[in-house]
Amino acid sequence: MICLTLGPTPARGVSDRVAYFHRSAMTEIGKSKQIFGAPQYQQKSLSSAC
C-alpha cells in the first residue's frame, strides 16, 4: 500500500518504509525508524514538520 501525506505524523504510525520529498525531489528513503529517528536530510527536521 502507498500512502501519501502532507505531514509526517500519519506516516510514522503505519509505515515500514518512508520516502521523504522536498520541493518535488526525493531526498531520502529508508526504514521509518531511521528516517524519523536519525534523518540524513537536514533541510527540516521531520519531527518539527508536524
PDB file of N, CA and C in Angstrom:
ATOM      1  N   MET A   1       0.838  -1.168   0.000  1.00  0.00           N
ATOM      2  CA  MET A   1       0.000   0.000   0.000  1.00  0.00           C
ATOM      3  C   MET A   1       0.888   1.238   0.000  1.00  0.00           C
ATOM      4  N   ILE A   2       0.498   2.239  -0.737  1.00  0.00           N
ATOM      5  CA  ILE A   2       1.196   3.517  -0.766  1.00  0.00           C
ATOM      6  C   ILE A   2       0.302   4.555  -0.119  1.00  0.00           C
ATOM      7  N   CYS A   3       0.858   5.307   0.788  1.00  0.00           N
ATOM      8  CA  CYS A   3       0.122   6.361   1.498  1.00  0.00           C
ATOM      9  C   CYS A   3       0.844   7.685   1.275  1.00  0.00           C
ATOM     10  N   LEU A   4       0.143   8.657   0.738  1.00  0.00           N
ATOM     11  CA  LEU A   4       0.708   9.989   0.547  1.00  0.00           C
ATOM     12  C   LEU A   4       0.141  10.910   1.606  1.00  0.00           C
ATOM     13  N   THR A   5       0.989  11.698   2.237  1.00  0.00           N
ATOM     14  CA  THR A   5       0.548  12.610   3.276  1.00  0.00           C
ATOM     15  C   THR A   5       1.371  13.887   3.227  1.00  0.00           C
ATOM     16  N   LEU A   6       0.775  14.975   3.636  1.00  0.00           N
ATOM     17  CA  LEU A   6       1.486  16.253   3.666  1.00  0.00           C
ATOM     18  C   LEU A   6       2.275  16.434   4.951  1.00  0.00           C
ATOM     19  N   GLY A   7       1.981  15.635   5.949  1.00  0.00           N
ATOM     20  CA  GLY A   7       2.695  15.712   7.218  1.00  0.00           C
ATOM     21  C   GLY A   7       3.222  14.349   7.620  1.00  0.00           C
ATOM     22  N   PRO A   8       4.253  14.295   8.436  1.00  0.00           N
ATOM     23  CA  PRO A   8       4.860  13.023   8.786  1.00  0.00           C
ATOM     24  C   PRO A   8       4.104  12.213   9.836  1.00  0.00           C
ATOM     25  N   THR A   9       3.234  12.824  10.608  1.00  0.00           N
ATOM     26  CA  THR A   9       2.585  12.123  11.715  1.00  0.00           C
ATOM     27  C   THR A   9       1.814  10.884  11.269  1.00  0.00           C
ATOM     28  N   PRO A  10       0.955  10.938  10.246  1.00  0.00           N
ATOM     29  CA  PRO A  10       0.244   9.719   9.832  1.00  0.00           C
ATOM     30  C   PRO A  10       1.189   8.625   9.336  1.00  0.00           C
ATOM     31  N   ALA A  11       2.232   8.991   8.643  1.00  0.00           N
ATOM     32  CA  ALA A  11       3.168   8.012   8.087  1.00  0.00           C
ATOM     33  C   ALA A  11       3.960   7.309   9.176  1.00  0.00           C
ATOM     34  N   ARG A  12       4.269   7.999  10.235  1.00  0.00           N
ATOM     35  CA  ARG A  12       5.089   7.437  11.308  1.00  0.00           C
ATOM     36  C   ARG A  12       4.440   6.193  11.916  1.00  0.00           C
ATOM     37  N   GLY A  13       3.128   6.213  12.093  1.00  0.00           N
ATOM     38  CA  GLY A  13       2.450   5.111  12.761  1.00  0.00           C
ATOM     39  C   GLY A  13       2.115   3.917  11.899  1.00  0.00           C
ATOM     40  N   VAL A  14       2.074   4.074  10.584  1.00  0.00           N
ATOM     41  CA  VAL A  14       1.597   2.989   9.723  1.00  0.00           C
ATOM     42  C   VAL A  14       2.620   2.497   8.700  1.00  0.00           C
ATOM     43  N   SER A  15       3.788   3.095   8.647  1.00  0.00           N
ATOM     44  CA  SER A  15       4.731   2.778   7.577  1.00  0.00           C
ATOM     45  C   SER A  15       5.914   1.945   8.053  1.00  0.00           C
ATOM     46  N   ASP A  16       6.328   1.010   7.207  1.00  0.00           N
ATOM     47  CA  ASP A  16       7.579   0.284   7.429  1.00  0.00           C
ATOM     48  C   ASP A  16       8.733   1.037   6.769  1.00  0.00           C
ATOM     49  N   ARG A  17       8.435   1.634   5.608  1.00  0.00           N
ATOM     50  CA  ARG A  17       9.441   2.414   4.870  1.00  0.00           C
ATOM     51  C   ARG A  17       8.834   3.754   4.493  1.00  0.00           C
ATOM     52  N   VAL A  18       9.686   4.764   4.396  1.00  0.00           N
ATOM     53  CA  VAL A  18       9.245   6.128   4.117  1.00  0.00           C
ATOM     54  C   VAL A  18      10.126   6.733   3.034  1.00  0.00           C
ATOM     55  N   ALA A  19       9.520   7.494   2.150  1.00  0.00           N
ATOM     56  CA  ALA A  19      10.263   8.318   1.194  1.00  0.00           C
ATOM     57  C   ALA A  19       9.937   9.763   1.526  1.00  0.00           C
ATOM     58  N   TYR A  20      10.961  10.590   1.711  1.00  0.00           N
ATOM     59  CA  TYR A  20      10.780  11.997   2.055  1.00  0.00           C
ATOM     60  C   TYR A  20      11.082  12.838   0.823  1.00  0.00           C
ATOM     61  N   PHE A  21      10.135  13.690   0.471  1.00  0.00           N
ATOM     62  CA  PHE A  21      10.287  14.567  -0.690  1.00  0.00           C
ATOM     63  C   PHE A  21      10.396  16.013  -0.227  1.00  0.00           C
ATOM     64  N   HIS A  22      11.266  16.775  -0.884  1.00  0.00           N
ATOM     65  CA  HIS A  22      11.382  18.208  -0.637  1.00  0.00           C
ATOM     66  C   HIS A  22      11.434  18.899  -1.988  1.00  0.00           C
ATOM     67  N   ARG A  23      10.492  19.793  -2.213  1.00  0.00           N
ATOM     68  CA  ARG A  23      10.398  20.521  -3.484  1.00  0.00           C
ATOM     69  C   ARG A  23      10.372  19.580  -4.684  1.00  0.00           C
ATOM     70  N   SER A  24       9.509  18.593  -4.599  1.00  0.00           N
ATOM     71  CA  SER A  24       9.258  17.622  -5.677  1.00  0.00           C
ATOM     72  C   SER A  24      10.427  16.686  -5.961  1.00  0.00           C
ATOM     73  N   ALA A  25      11.417  16.640  -5.091  1.00  0.00           N
ATOM     74  CA  ALA A  25      12.535  15.724  -5.278  1.00  0.00           C
ATOM     75  C   ALA A  25      12.648  14.798  -4.069  1.00  0.00           C
ATOM     76  N   MET A  26      12.825  13.501  -4.335  1.00  0.00           N
ATOM     77  CA  MET A  26      13.001  12.568  -3.234  1.00  0.00           C
ATOM     78  C   MET A  26      14.386  12.798  -2.638  1.00  0.00           C
ATOM     79  N   THR A  27      14.413  13.154  -1.372  1.00  0.00           N
ATOM     80  CA  THR A  27      15.683  13.466  -0.722  1.00  0.00           C
ATOM     81  C   THR A  27      16.169  12.349   0.189  1.00  0.00           C
ATOM     82  N   GLU A  28      15.257  11.456   0.578  1.00  0.00           N
ATOM     83  CA  GLU A  28      15.651  10.367   1.463  1.00  0.00           C
ATOM     84  C   GLU A  28      14.613   9.254   1.402  1.00  0.00           C
ATOM     85  N   ILE A  29      15.084   8.020   1.487  1.00  0.00           N
ATOM     86  CA  ILE A  29      14.202   6.862   1.531  1.00  0.00           C
ATOM     87  C   ILE A  29      14.835   5.828   2.455  1.00  0.00           C
ATOM     88  N   GLY A  30      14.000   5.168   3.245  1.00  0.00           N
ATOM     89  CA  GLY A  30      14.531   4.151   4.142  1.00  0.00           C
ATOM     90  C   GLY A  30      13.484   3.669   5.123  1.00  0.00           C
ATOM     91  N   LYS A  31      13.934   2.929   6.121  1.00  0.00           N
ATOM     92  CA  LYS A  31      13.045   2.420   7.155  1.00  0.00           C
ATOM     93  C   LYS A  31      12.536   3.576   8.008  1.00  0.00           C
ATOM     94  N   SER A  32      11.296   3.460   8.456  1.00  0.00           N
ATOM     95  CA  SER A  32      10.664   4.531   9.220  1.00  0.00           C
ATOM     96  C   SER A  32      11.469   4.921  10.452  1.00  0.00           C
ATOM     97  N   LYS A  33      11.956   3.935  11.188  1.00  0.00           N
ATOM     98  CA  LYS A  33      12.732   4.237  12.398  1.00  0.00           C
ATOM     99  C   LYS A  33      13.958   5.079  12.080  1.00  0.00           C
ATOM    100  N   GLN A  34      14.628   4.777  10.971  1.00  0.00           N
ATOM    101  CA  GLN A  34      15.827   5.523  10.596  1.00  0.00           C
ATOM    102  C   GLN A  34      15.463   6.932  10.125  1.00  0.00           C
ATOM    103  N   ILE A  35      14.436   7.049   9.301  1.00  0.00           N
ATOM    104  CA  ILE A  35      14.048   8.355   8.755  1.00  0.00           C
ATOM    105  C   ILE A  35      13.571   9.295   9.853  1.00  0.00           C
ATOM    106  N   PHE A  36      12.749   8.797  10.768  1.00  0.00           N
ATOM    107  CA  PHE A  36      12.225   9.656  11.823  1.00  0.00           C
ATOM    108  C   PHE A  36      13.190   9.799  12.990  1.00  0.00           C
ATOM    109  N   GLY A  37      14.037   8.796  13.216  1.00  0.00           N
ATOM    110  CA  GLY A  37      14.952   8.840  14.349  1.00  0.00           C
ATOM    111  C   GLY A  37      16.248   9.566  14.075  1.00  0.00           C
ATOM    112  N   ALA A  38      16.803   9.384  12.880  1.00  0.00           N
ATOM    113  CA  ALA A  38      18.086   9.998  12.543  1.00  0.00           C
ATOM    114  C   ALA A  38      18.114  10.324  11.051  1.00  0.00           C
ATOM    115  N   PRO A  39      17.329  11.315  10.628  1.00  0.00           N
ATOM    116  CA  PRO A  39      17.279  11.643   9.196  1.00  0.00           C
ATOM    117  C   PRO A  39      18.621  12.143   8.685  1.00  0.00           C
ATOM    118  N   GLN A  40      18.934  11.769   7.458  1.00  0.00           N
ATOM    119  CA  GLN A  40      20.168  12.214   6.826  1.00  0.00           C
ATOM    120  C   GLN A  40      19.993  13.575   6.161  1.00  0.00           C
ATOM    121  N   TYR A  41      18.789  13.862   5.708  1.00  0.00           N
ATOM    122  CA  TYR A  41      18.498  15.128   5.042  1.00  0.00           C
ATOM    123  C   TYR A  41      18.175  16.170   6.096  1.00  0.00           C
ATOM    124  N   GLN A  42      18.909  17.247   6.132  1.00  0.00           N
ATOM    125  CA  GLN A  42      18.812  18.204   7.233  1.00  0.00           C
ATOM    126  C   GLN A  42      18.085  19.503   6.880  1.00  0.00           C
ATOM    127  N   GLN A  43      17.364  19.556   5.761  1.00  0.00           N
ATOM    128  CA  GLN A  43      16.632  20.783   5.403  1.00  0.00           C
ATOM    129  C   GLN A  43      15.657  21.172   6.508  1.00  0.00           C
ATOM    130  N   LYS A  44      14.936  20.171   7.020  1.00  0.00           N
ATOM    131  CA  LYS A  44      13.946  20.422   8.059  1.00  0.00           C
ATOM    132  C   LYS A  44      13.789  19.138   8.860  1.00  0.00           C
ATOM    133  N   SER A  45      13.783  19.243  10.153  1.00  0.00           N
ATOM    134  CA  SER A  45      13.569  18.073  10.994  1.00  0.00           C
ATOM    135  C   SER A  45      12.178  17.511  10.720  1.00  0.00           C
ATOM    136  N   LEU A  46      12.098  16.209  10.521  1.00  0.00           N
ATOM    137  CA  LEU A  46      10.806  15.593  10.243  1.00  0.00           C
ATOM    138  C   LEU A  46       9.883  15.675  11.437  1.00  0.00           C
ATOM    139  N   SER A  47      10.416  15.647  12.636  1.00  0.00           N
ATOM    140  CA  SER A  47       9.560  15.719  13.812  1.00  0.00           C
ATOM    141  C   SER A  47       9.000  17.112  14.023  1.00  0.00           C
ATOM    142  N   SER A  48       9.672  18.141  13.547  1.00  0.00           N
ATOM    143  CA  SER A  48       9.165  19.509  13.711  1.00  0.00           C
ATOM    144  C   SER A  48       8.224  19.918  12.591  1.00  0.00           C
ATOM    145  N   ALA A  49       8.066  19.062  11.596  1.00  0.00           N
ATOM    146  CA  ALA A  49       7.201  19.392  10.463  1.00  0.00           C
ATOM    147  C   ALA A  49       5.724  19.183  10.783  1.00  0.00           C
ATOM    148  N   CYS A  50       5.412  18.596  11.920  1.00  0.00           N
ATOM    149  CA  CYS A  50       4.024  18.312  12.295  1.00  0.00           C
ATOM    150  C   CYS A  50       3.294  19.583  12.663  1.00  0.00           C
TER     151      CYS A  50
END
